[in-house]
Amino acid sequence: MPLPRLAVLALLCLSAVPAAAQTASSTDSIGVSVEGAVRAPGLYKLPAKARIDQAIAAARPGADAYVLGAALLRRQALTEQVRLKAGLQYDLKQLANSGDKAISDTAATLSAWLESLPVTGRAPRQLLELRLLQIQPKYNPVAFEGDRVIYPVRPTQVQVVGAVVQPCALQHVPEQDVLAYLRACPGNPAADRDTAYIVQPDGNVQVAGIALWNRSPPQPLAPGAILYVPLTEYATRTVDPEFNRQFAEFLATQVLPAPGASL
């Protein structure tokens, strides 16, 4: 008898979460690293309860830093993201056993790709523009031991992934709508024909209607965005009706490439 999904997730999380994921106890100082397109990358020691802007100001983001795609990685977020990834893998294995060949093949491909993606601990939708952090304290979180801030350089492409004939890295075109990217990178027979998910570089996830009956207003993608073409609803609702949304949310935890930074 197969283990229930919750039991599988619990086992996977216990085995996959590193010890470093545990929150450090309060000390007189904490270490925060700032990496990527900054003038002075490195590990900065801050007083306990300091705000994240202090480390960023010391590192001095460069003119080439792509602030929209900057990422704050936190140890405290790792456990939940390990659980999310494990749940998605469980669902994909169920879908890979589908009697529908298109669904089965797409699920197997997505499972292999998902396995290659790191669990980052990224805090989605965290603004990291230094001046804004300094004048708007509500956006400026307290720093924790082990925090990492990564500033990528501005990318030039948009990725189209999911239930597609093959994944694409397309040249970003300012103000170009979702449908234009989908025409250049069409869905496969397992693709949902009504919706697509936009994962913007800041981790914001948007749902776009792409059919005639639910067409959304034009939604431009920022450089470095991911366009996720979901699996058809009739297949995912038998496994988990939230599968596609959760897959897009996991993609929102990924980090754009940045000089000198690795995951």
C-alpha atoms as a PDB file:
ATOM      1  CA  MET A   1       0.000   0.000   0.000  1.00  0.00           C
ATOM      2  CA  PRO A   2       1.492   3.397  -0.954  1.00  0.00           C
ATOM      3  CA  LEU A   3       2.154   5.817   1.866  1.00  0.00           C
ATOM      4  CA  PRO A   4      -0.302   8.733   2.169  1.00  0.00           C
ATOM      5  CA  ARG A   5       0.966  11.992   0.730  1.00  0.00           C
ATOM      6  CA  LEU A   6       1.402  13.637   4.150  1.00  0.00           C
ATOM      7  CA  ALA A   7       3.481  10.739   5.420  1.00  0.00           C
ATOM      8  CA  VAL A   8       5.708  10.889   2.348  1.00  0.00           C
ATOM      9  CA  LEU A   9       6.211  14.620   2.787  1.00  0.00           C
ATOM     10  CA  ALA A  10       7.111  14.235   6.443  1.00  0.00           C
ATOM     11  CA  LEU A  11       9.746  11.605   5.677  1.00  0.00           C
ATOM     12  CA  LEU A  12      11.217  13.609   2.823  1.00  0.00           C
ATOM     13  CA  CYS A  13      11.397  16.774   4.877  1.00  0.00           C
ATOM     14  CA  LEU A  14      13.124  15.053   7.788  1.00  0.00           C
ATOM     15  CA  SER A  15      15.779  13.659   5.483  1.00  0.00           C
ATOM     16  CA  ALA A  16      16.222  16.676   3.209  1.00  0.00           C
ATOM     17  CA  VAL A  17      16.387  19.697   5.504  1.00  0.00           C
ATOM     18  CA  PRO A  18      20.001  20.443   6.413  1.00  0.00           C
ATOM     19  CA  ALA A  19      20.983  21.230   9.965  1.00  0.00           C
ATOM     20  CA  ALA A  20      21.906  24.739   8.807  1.00  0.00           C
ATOM     21  CA  ALA A  21      18.220  25.342   8.156  1.00  0.00           C
ATOM     22  CA  GLN A  22      17.609  25.639  11.881  1.00  0.00           C
ATOM     23  CA  THR A  23      17.327  29.223  13.081  1.00  0.00           C
ATOM     24  CA  ALA A  24      20.387  30.418  14.922  1.00  0.00           C
ATOM     25  CA  SER A  25      19.934  31.452  18.525  1.00  0.00           C
ATOM     26  CA  SER A  26      20.141  35.114  19.399  1.00  0.00           C
ATOM     27  CA  THR A  27      23.739  36.383  19.720  1.00  0.00           C
ATOM     28  CA  ASP A  28      25.478  39.705  20.010  1.00  0.00           C
ATOM     29  CA  SER A  29      26.022  39.792  16.238  1.00  0.00           C
ATOM     30  CA  ILE A  30      24.726  38.077  13.137  1.00  0.00           C
ATOM     31  CA  GLY A  31      26.320  37.317   9.777  1.00  0.00           C
ATOM     32  CA  VAL A  32      24.638  38.435   6.547  1.00  0.00           C
ATOM     33  CA  SER A  33      26.263  37.906   3.148  1.00  0.00           C
ATOM     34  CA  VAL A  34      25.653  40.137   0.139  1.00  0.00           C
ATOM     35  CA  GLU A  35      26.686  38.741  -3.239  1.00  0.00           C
ATOM     36  CA  GLY A  36      26.457  39.333  -6.962  1.00  0.00           C
ATOM     37  CA  ALA A  37      26.462  42.724  -8.659  1.00  0.00           C
ATOM     38  CA  VAL A  38      27.717  44.711  -5.662  1.00  0.00           C
ATOM     39  CA  ARG A  39      30.899  46.736  -5.201  1.00  0.00           C
ATOM     40  CA  ALA A  40      31.944  45.071  -1.945  1.00  0.00           C
ATOM     41  CA  PRO A  41      30.575  41.527  -1.761  1.00  0.00           C
ATOM     42  CA  GLY A  42      31.143  39.612   1.431  1.00  0.00           C
ATOM     43  CA  LEU A  43      29.943  38.581   4.861  1.00  0.00           C
ATOM     44  CA  TYR A  44      28.870  41.449   7.089  1.00  0.00           C
ATOM     45  CA  LYS A  45      28.582  41.258  10.850  1.00  0.00           C
ATOM     46  CA  LEU A  46      25.595  43.210  12.129  1.00  0.00           C
ATOM     47  CA  PRO A  47      24.264  43.812  15.622  1.00  0.00           C
ATOM     48  CA  ALA A  48      21.379  41.595  16.663  1.00  0.00           C
ATOM     49  CA  LYS A  49      18.016  42.943  15.441  1.00  0.00           C
ATOM     50  CA  ALA A  50      19.677  45.079  12.752  1.00  0.00           C
ATOM     51  CA  ARG A  51      17.748  45.637   9.531  1.00  0.00           C
ATOM     52  CA  ILE A  52      18.750  44.071   6.233  1.00  0.00           C
ATOM     53  CA  ASP A  53      19.472  47.470   4.641  1.00  0.00           C
ATOM     54  CA  GLN A  54      22.608  47.833   6.793  1.00  0.00           C
ATOM     55  CA  ALA A  55      24.327  44.929   5.042  1.00  0.00           C
ATOM     56  CA  ILE A  56      23.127  46.087   1.625  1.00  0.00           C
ATOM     57  CA  ALA A  57      24.389  49.635   2.195  1.00  0.00           C
ATOM     58  CA  ALA A  58      27.800  48.282   3.194  1.00  0.00           C
ATOM     59  CA  ALA A  59      28.002  46.086   0.071  1.00  0.00           C
ATOM     60  CA  ARG A  60      26.914  48.941  -2.241  1.00  0.00           C
ATOM     61  CA  PRO A  61      24.920  47.465  -5.159  1.00  0.00           C
ATOM     62  CA  GLY A  62      26.458  48.438  -8.487  1.00  0.00           C
ATOM     63  CA  ALA A  63      24.890  50.320 -11.355  1.00  0.00           C
ATOM     64  CA  ASP A  64      24.472  47.003 -13.168  1.00  0.00           C
ATOM     65  CA  ALA A  65      22.533  45.382 -10.302  1.00  0.00           C
ATOM     66  CA  TYR A  66      19.073  44.212 -11.387  1.00  0.00           C
ATOM     67  CA  VAL A  67      17.141  45.211  -8.293  1.00  0.00           C
ATOM     68  CA  LEU A  68      13.843  43.713  -9.502  1.00  0.00           C
ATOM     69  CA  GLY A  69      15.467  40.282  -9.525  1.00  0.00           C
ATOM     70  CA  ALA A  70      17.371  40.635  -6.250  1.00  0.00           C
ATOM     71  CA  ALA A  71      16.747  37.843  -3.756  1.00  0.00           C
ATOM     72  CA  LEU A  72      16.784  37.485   0.019  1.00  0.00           C
ATOM     73  CA  LEU A  73      17.533  33.883   1.029  1.00  0.00           C
ATOM     74  CA  ARG A  74      16.609  32.803   4.547  1.00  0.00           C
ATOM     75  CA  ARG A  75      17.310  29.583   6.409  1.00  0.00           C
ATOM     76  CA  GLN A  76      13.890  29.788   8.040  1.00  0.00           C
ATOM     77  CA  ALA A  77      12.200  29.344   4.637  1.00  0.00           C
ATOM     78  CA  LEU A  78      14.025  26.138   3.698  1.00  0.00           C
ATOM     79  CA  THR A  79      11.785  23.653   5.501  1.00  0.00           C
ATOM     80  CA  GLU A  80       8.581  24.888   3.879  1.00  0.00           C
ATOM     81  CA  GLN A  81      10.197  24.906   0.439  1.00  0.00           C
ATOM     82  CA  VAL A  82      11.584  21.394   0.887  1.00  0.00           C
ATOM     83  CA  ARG A  83       8.057  20.311   1.759  1.00  0.00           C
ATOM     84  CA  LEU A  84       6.650  22.094  -1.299  1.00  0.00           C
ATOM     85  CA  LYS A  85       9.176  20.487  -3.640  1.00  0.00           C
ATOM     86  CA  ALA A  86       8.563  17.039  -2.153  1.00  0.00           C
ATOM     87  CA  GLY A  87       4.816  17.438  -2.597  1.00  0.00           C
ATOM     88  CA  LEU A  88       5.222  18.463  -6.222  1.00  0.00           C
ATOM     89  CA  GLN A  89       7.463  15.469  -6.895  1.00  0.00           C
ATOM     90  CA  TYR A  90       4.899  13.178  -5.300  1.00  0.00           C
ATOM     91  CA  ASP A  91       2.149  14.619  -7.511  1.00  0.00           C
ATOM     92  CA  LEU A  92       4.296  14.347 -10.632  1.00  0.00           C
ATOM     93  CA  LYS A  93       4.970  10.685  -9.943  1.00  0.00           C
ATOM     94  CA  GLN A  94       1.211  10.142  -9.720  1.00  0.00           C
ATOM     95  CA  LEU A  95       0.703  11.986 -13.010  1.00  0.00           C
ATOM     96  CA  ALA A  96       3.525  10.036 -14.658  1.00  0.00           C
ATOM     97  CA  ASN A  97       1.444   6.898 -14.077  1.00  0.00           C
ATOM     98  CA  SER A  98      -1.471   8.413 -15.970  1.00  0.00           C
ATOM     99  CA  GLY A  99      -2.956   6.456 -18.836  1.00  0.00           C
ATOM    100  CA  ASP A 100      -2.712   9.610 -20.964  1.00  0.00           C
ATOM    101  CA  LYS A 101       0.652   9.487 -22.747  1.00  0.00           C
ATOM    102  CA  ALA A 102       0.932  13.257 -23.150  1.00  0.00           C
ATOM    103  CA  ILE A 103       0.299  13.803 -19.442  1.00  0.00           C
ATOM    104  CA  SER A 104       2.600  10.955 -18.438  1.00  0.00           C
ATOM    105  CA  ASP A 105       5.495  12.108 -20.621  1.00  0.00           C
ATOM    106  CA  THR A 106       5.176  15.744 -19.553  1.00  0.00           C
ATOM    107  CA  ALA A 107       5.005  14.803 -15.876  1.00  0.00           C
ATOM    108  CA  ALA A 108       8.134  12.663 -16.170  1.00  0.00           C
ATOM    109  CA  THR A 109       9.998  15.502 -17.900  1.00  0.00           C
ATOM    110  CA  LEU A 110       8.887  18.047 -15.300  1.00  0.00           C
ATOM    111  CA  SER A 111       9.851  15.694 -12.478  1.00  0.00           C
ATOM    112  CA  ALA A 112      13.402  15.346 -13.796  1.00  0.00           C
ATOM    113  CA  TRP A 113      13.705  19.114 -14.231  1.00  0.00           C
ATOM    114  CA  LEU A 114      12.241  19.868 -10.804  1.00  0.00           C
ATOM    115  CA  GLU A 115      14.738  17.500  -9.214  1.00  0.00           C
ATOM    116  CA  SER A 116      17.564  19.641 -10.635  1.00  0.00           C
ATOM    117  CA  LEU A 117      16.233  22.884  -9.119  1.00  0.00           C
ATOM    118  CA  PRO A 118      17.663  23.950  -5.755  1.00  0.00           C
ATOM    119  CA  VAL A 119      15.702  24.719  -2.628  1.00  0.00           C
ATOM    120  CA  THR A 120      16.872  28.273  -2.049  1.00  0.00           C
ATOM    121  CA  GLY A 121      15.003  29.691   0.920  1.00  0.00           C
ATOM    122  CA  ARG A 122      14.141  32.757  -1.142  1.00  0.00           C
ATOM    123  CA  ALA A 123      11.575  35.102   0.359  1.00  0.00           C
ATOM    124  CA  PRO A 124       9.317  35.944  -2.619  1.00  0.00           C
ATOM    125  CA  ARG A 125       8.198  39.499  -3.259  1.00  0.00           C
ATOM    126  CA  GLN A 126      10.824  40.972  -0.931  1.00  0.00           C
ATOM    127  CA  LEU A 127      11.789  44.413  -2.220  1.00  0.00           C
ATOM    128  CA  LEU A 128      15.542  45.035  -2.049  1.00  0.00           C
ATOM    129  CA  GLU A 129      15.939  48.537  -3.475  1.00  0.00           C
ATOM    130  CA  LEU A 130      18.194  50.193  -0.909  1.00  0.00           C
ATOM    131  CA  ARG A 131      16.624  53.641  -0.873  1.00  0.00           C
ATOM    132  CA  LEU A 132      13.126  52.198  -0.513  1.00  0.00           C
ATOM    133  CA  LEU A 133      14.243  50.020   2.402  1.00  0.00           C
ATOM    134  CA  GLN A 134      15.703  53.058   4.127  1.00  0.00           C
ATOM    135  CA  ILE A 135      12.620  55.267   3.818  1.00  0.00           C
ATOM    136  CA  GLN A 136       9.952  52.567   4.222  1.00  0.00           C
ATOM    137  CA  PRO A 137      10.719  50.534   7.364  1.00  0.00           C
ATOM    138  CA  LYS A 138       7.794  48.175   6.728  1.00  0.00           C
ATOM    139  CA  TYR A 139       9.700  46.790   3.701  1.00  0.00           C
ATOM    140  CA  ASN A 140      12.988  46.553   5.612  1.00  0.00           C
ATOM    141  CA  PRO A 141      13.012  43.239   7.525  1.00  0.00           C
ATOM    142  CA  VAL A 142      15.078  42.418  10.569  1.00  0.00           C
ATOM    143  CA  ALA A 143      18.173  40.481   9.502  1.00  0.00           C
ATOM    144  CA  PHE A 144      18.783  36.932  10.722  1.00  0.00           C
ATOM    145  CA  GLU A 145      21.921  34.855  11.031  1.00  0.00           C
ATOM    146  CA  GLY A 146      22.727  33.214   7.698  1.00  0.00           C
ATOM    147  CA  ASP A 147      20.706  35.597   5.516  1.00  0.00           C
ATOM    148  CA  ARG A 148      22.006  35.977   1.968  1.00  0.00           C
ATOM    149  CA  VAL A 149      21.181  38.851  -0.375  1.00  0.00           C
ATOM    150  CA  ILE A 150      21.944  38.261  -4.051  1.00  0.00           C
ATOM    151  CA  TYR A 151      21.877  40.934  -6.764  1.00  0.00           C
ATOM    152  CA  PRO A 152      21.884  39.562 -10.330  1.00  0.00           C
ATOM    153  CA  VAL A 153      22.705  41.553 -13.421  1.00  0.00           C
ATOM    154  CA  ARG A 154      19.851  42.404 -15.759  1.00  0.00           C
ATOM    155  CA  PRO A 155      18.962  39.380 -17.913  1.00  0.00           C
ATOM    156  CA  THR A 156      17.928  39.619 -21.543  1.00  0.00           C
ATOM    157  CA  GLN A 157      15.616  36.621 -21.828  1.00  0.00           C
ATOM    158  CA  VAL A 158      12.302  35.172 -20.697  1.00  0.00           C
ATOM    159  CA  GLN A 159      11.965  31.449 -20.000  1.00  0.00           C
ATOM    160  CA  VAL A 160       8.920  29.463 -21.131  1.00  0.00           C
ATOM    161  CA  VAL A 161       8.589  26.155 -19.293  1.00  0.00           C
ATOM    162  CA  GLY A 162       6.044  23.547 -18.256  1.00  0.00           C
ATOM    163  CA  ALA A 163       3.750  21.705 -20.637  1.00  0.00           C
ATOM    164  CA  VAL A 164       5.560  22.888 -23.764  1.00  0.00           C
ATOM    165  CA  VAL A 165       6.930  21.130 -26.831  1.00  0.00           C
ATOM    166  CA  GLN A 166      10.347  22.049 -25.456  1.00  0.00           C
ATOM    167  CA  PRO A 167      11.474  24.694 -22.948  1.00  0.00           C
ATOM    168  CA  CYS A 168      12.480  28.004 -24.499  1.00  0.00           C
ATOM    169  CA  ALA A 169      14.719  30.922 -23.580  1.00  0.00           C
ATOM    170  CA  LEU A 170      13.284  33.779 -25.635  1.00  0.00           C
ATOM    171  CA  GLN A 171      14.628  37.269 -26.117  1.00  0.00           C
ATOM    172  CA  HIS A 172      12.793  39.694 -23.856  1.00  0.00           C
ATOM    173  CA  VAL A 173      10.741  42.243 -25.787  1.00  0.00           C
ATOM    174  CA  PRO A 174       9.536  45.290 -23.811  1.00  0.00           C
ATOM    175  CA  GLU A 175       5.740  45.401 -23.394  1.00  0.00           C
ATOM    176  CA  GLN A 176       5.289  42.108 -25.244  1.00  0.00           C
ATOM    177  CA  ASP A 177       2.288  40.150 -23.982  1.00  0.00           C
ATOM    178  CA  VAL A 178       2.103  36.547 -22.788  1.00  0.00           C
ATOM    179  CA  LEU A 179       0.426  35.347 -25.974  1.00  0.00           C
ATOM    180  CA  ALA A 180       3.327  36.454 -28.154  1.00  0.00           C
ATOM    181  CA  TYR A 181       5.771  34.394 -26.086  1.00  0.00           C
ATOM    182  CA  LEU A 182       3.425  31.405 -26.196  1.00  0.00           C
ATOM    183  CA  ARG A 183       3.206  31.601 -29.971  1.00  0.00           C
ATOM    184  CA  ALA A 184       6.998  31.396 -30.100  1.00  0.00           C
ATOM    185  CA  CYS A 185       7.075  28.475 -27.636  1.00  0.00           C
ATOM    186  CA  PRO A 186       3.848  26.485 -28.043  1.00  0.00           C
ATOM    187  CA  GLY A 187       2.302  24.152 -25.516  1.00  0.00           C
ATOM    188  CA  ASN A 188       2.204  20.412 -25.998  1.00  0.00           C
ATOM    189  CA  PRO A 189      -0.962  18.237 -25.926  1.00  0.00           C
ATOM    190  CA  ALA A 190      -0.874  18.159 -22.095  1.00  0.00           C
ATOM    191  CA  ALA A 191      -1.030  21.963 -21.783  1.00  0.00           C
ATOM    192  CA  ASP A 192      -3.944  23.842 -20.297  1.00  0.00           C
ATOM    193  CA  ARG A 193      -5.464  26.043 -22.998  1.00  0.00           C
ATOM    194  CA  ASP A 194      -7.095  28.590 -20.697  1.00  0.00           C
ATOM    195  CA  THR A 195      -4.400  29.927 -18.385  1.00  0.00           C
ATOM    196  CA  ALA A 196      -0.690  30.547 -17.981  1.00  0.00           C
ATOM    197  CA  TYR A 197       1.350  31.574 -14.958  1.00  0.00           C
ATOM    198  CA  ILE A 198       3.737  34.527 -14.994  1.00  0.00           C
ATOM    199  CA  VAL A 199       6.538  34.359 -12.441  1.00  0.00           C
ATOM    200  CA  GLN A 200       8.078  37.817 -12.358  1.00  0.00           C
ATOM    201  CA  PRO A 201      11.737  38.260 -11.306  1.00  0.00           C
ATOM    202  CA  ASP A 202      10.723  39.547  -7.857  1.00  0.00           C
ATOM    203  CA  GLY A 203       8.842  36.296  -7.172  1.00  0.00           C
ATOM    204  CA  ASN A 204       5.389  37.717  -7.809  1.00  0.00           C
ATOM    205  CA  VAL A 205       3.121  35.106  -9.440  1.00  0.00           C
ATOM    206  CA  GLN A 206       0.344  36.245 -11.782  1.00  0.00           C
ATOM    207  CA  VAL A 207      -2.310  34.186 -13.556  1.00  0.00           C
ATOM    208  CA  ALA A 208      -3.075  35.171 -17.143  1.00  0.00           C
ATOM    209  CA  GLY A 209      -6.193  34.107 -19.015  1.00  0.00           C
ATOM    210  CA  ILE A 210      -5.184  33.131 -22.556  1.00  0.00           C
ATOM    211  CA  ALA A 211      -8.395  31.723 -24.063  1.00  0.00           C
ATOM    212  CA  LEU A 212     -10.953  33.787 -25.949  1.00  0.00           C
ATOM    213  CA  TRP A 213     -13.475  33.482 -23.124  1.00  0.00           C
ATOM    214  CA  ASN A 214     -11.143  34.611 -20.305  1.00  0.00           C
ATOM    215  CA  ARG A 215      -8.508  36.713 -22.066  1.00  0.00           C
ATOM    216  CA  SER A 216      -6.648  38.916 -19.585  1.00  0.00           C
ATOM    217  CA  PRO A 217      -5.550  42.468 -20.351  1.00  0.00           C
ATOM    218  CA  PRO A 218      -1.992  42.564 -21.711  1.00  0.00           C
ATOM    219  CA  GLN A 219       0.481  41.568 -18.992  1.00  0.00           C
ATOM    220  CA  PRO A 220       4.082  42.368 -19.975  1.00  0.00           C
ATOM    221  CA  LEU A 221       6.845  40.193 -18.572  1.00  0.00           C
ATOM    222  CA  ALA A 222       9.945  41.743 -17.030  1.00  0.00           C
ATOM    223  CA  PRO A 223      13.405  40.572 -18.124  1.00  0.00           C
ATOM    224  CA  GLY A 224      14.186  37.310 -16.358  1.00  0.00           C
ATOM    225  CA  ALA A 225      10.545  36.319 -15.915  1.00  0.00           C
ATOM    226  CA  ILE A 226       9.384  32.713 -16.202  1.00  0.00           C
ATOM    227  CA  LEU A 227       6.237  31.829 -18.121  1.00  0.00           C
ATOM    228  CA  TYR A 228       4.890  28.531 -16.794  1.00  0.00           C
ATOM    229  CA  VAL A 229       2.492  26.673 -19.091  1.00  0.00           C
ATOM    230  CA  PRO A 230       0.369  24.543 -16.743  1.00  0.00           C
ATOM    231  CA  LEU A 231      -0.782  20.984 -17.168  1.00  0.00           C
ATOM    232  CA  THR A 232      -4.412  20.675 -18.154  1.00  0.00           C
ATOM    233  CA  GLU A 233      -6.855  20.981 -15.270  1.00  0.00           C
ATOM    234  CA  TYR A 234      -8.642  17.704 -15.945  1.00  0.00           C
ATOM    235  CA  ALA A 235      -5.399  15.841 -15.191  1.00  0.00           C
ATOM    236  CA  THR A 236      -4.235  17.777 -12.127  1.00  0.00           C
ATOM    237  CA  ARG A 237      -7.585  17.976 -10.334  1.00  0.00           C
ATOM    238  CA  THR A 238      -7.517  14.227  -9.682  1.00  0.00           C
ATOM    239  CA  VAL A 239      -4.117  14.564  -7.978  1.00  0.00           C
ATOM    240  CA  ASP A 240      -4.112  18.054  -6.448  1.00  0.00           C
ATOM    241  CA  PRO A 241      -6.238  20.944  -7.768  1.00  0.00           C
ATOM    242  CA  GLU A 242      -3.533  23.345  -6.526  1.00  0.00           C
ATOM    243  CA  PHE A 243      -0.675  21.604  -8.351  1.00  0.00           C
ATOM    244  CA  ASN A 244      -0.103  24.217 -11.066  1.00  0.00           C
ATOM    245  CA  ARG A 245      -0.265  27.158  -8.671  1.00  0.00           C
ATOM    246  CA  GLN A 246       2.156  25.430  -6.312  1.00  0.00           C
ATOM    247  CA  PHE A 247       4.541  24.624  -9.159  1.00  0.00           C
ATOM    248  CA  ALA A 248       4.571  28.309 -10.137  1.00  0.00           C
ATOM    249  CA  GLU A 249       5.173  29.265  -6.498  1.00  0.00           C
ATOM    250  CA  PHE A 250       8.188  26.973  -6.331  1.00  0.00           C
ATOM    251  CA  LEU A 251       9.552  28.553  -9.511  1.00  0.00           C
ATOM    252  CA  ALA A 252       9.184  31.904  -7.748  1.00  0.00           C
ATOM    253  CA  THR A 253      11.783  30.745  -5.202  1.00  0.00           C
ATOM    254  CA  GLN A 254      14.481  30.363  -7.852  1.00  0.00           C
ATOM    255  CA  VAL A 255      17.268  32.926  -8.143  1.00  0.00           C
ATOM    256  CA  LEU A 256      18.597  34.616 -11.268  1.00  0.00           C
ATOM    257  CA  PRO A 257      22.294  34.070 -12.069  1.00  0.00           C
ATOM    258  CA  ALA A 258      24.581  36.531 -10.330  1.00  0.00           C
ATOM    259  CA  PRO A 259      28.358  37.025 -10.579  1.00  0.00           C
ATOM    260  CA  GLY A 260      30.213  35.132  -7.880  1.00  0.00           C
ATOM    261  CA  ALA A 261      27.061  33.668  -6.311  1.00  0.00           C
ATOM    262  CA  SER A 262      26.223  29.976  -6.207  1.00  0.00           C
ATOM    263  CA  LEU A 263      23.402  27.945  -4.668  1.00  0.00           C
END
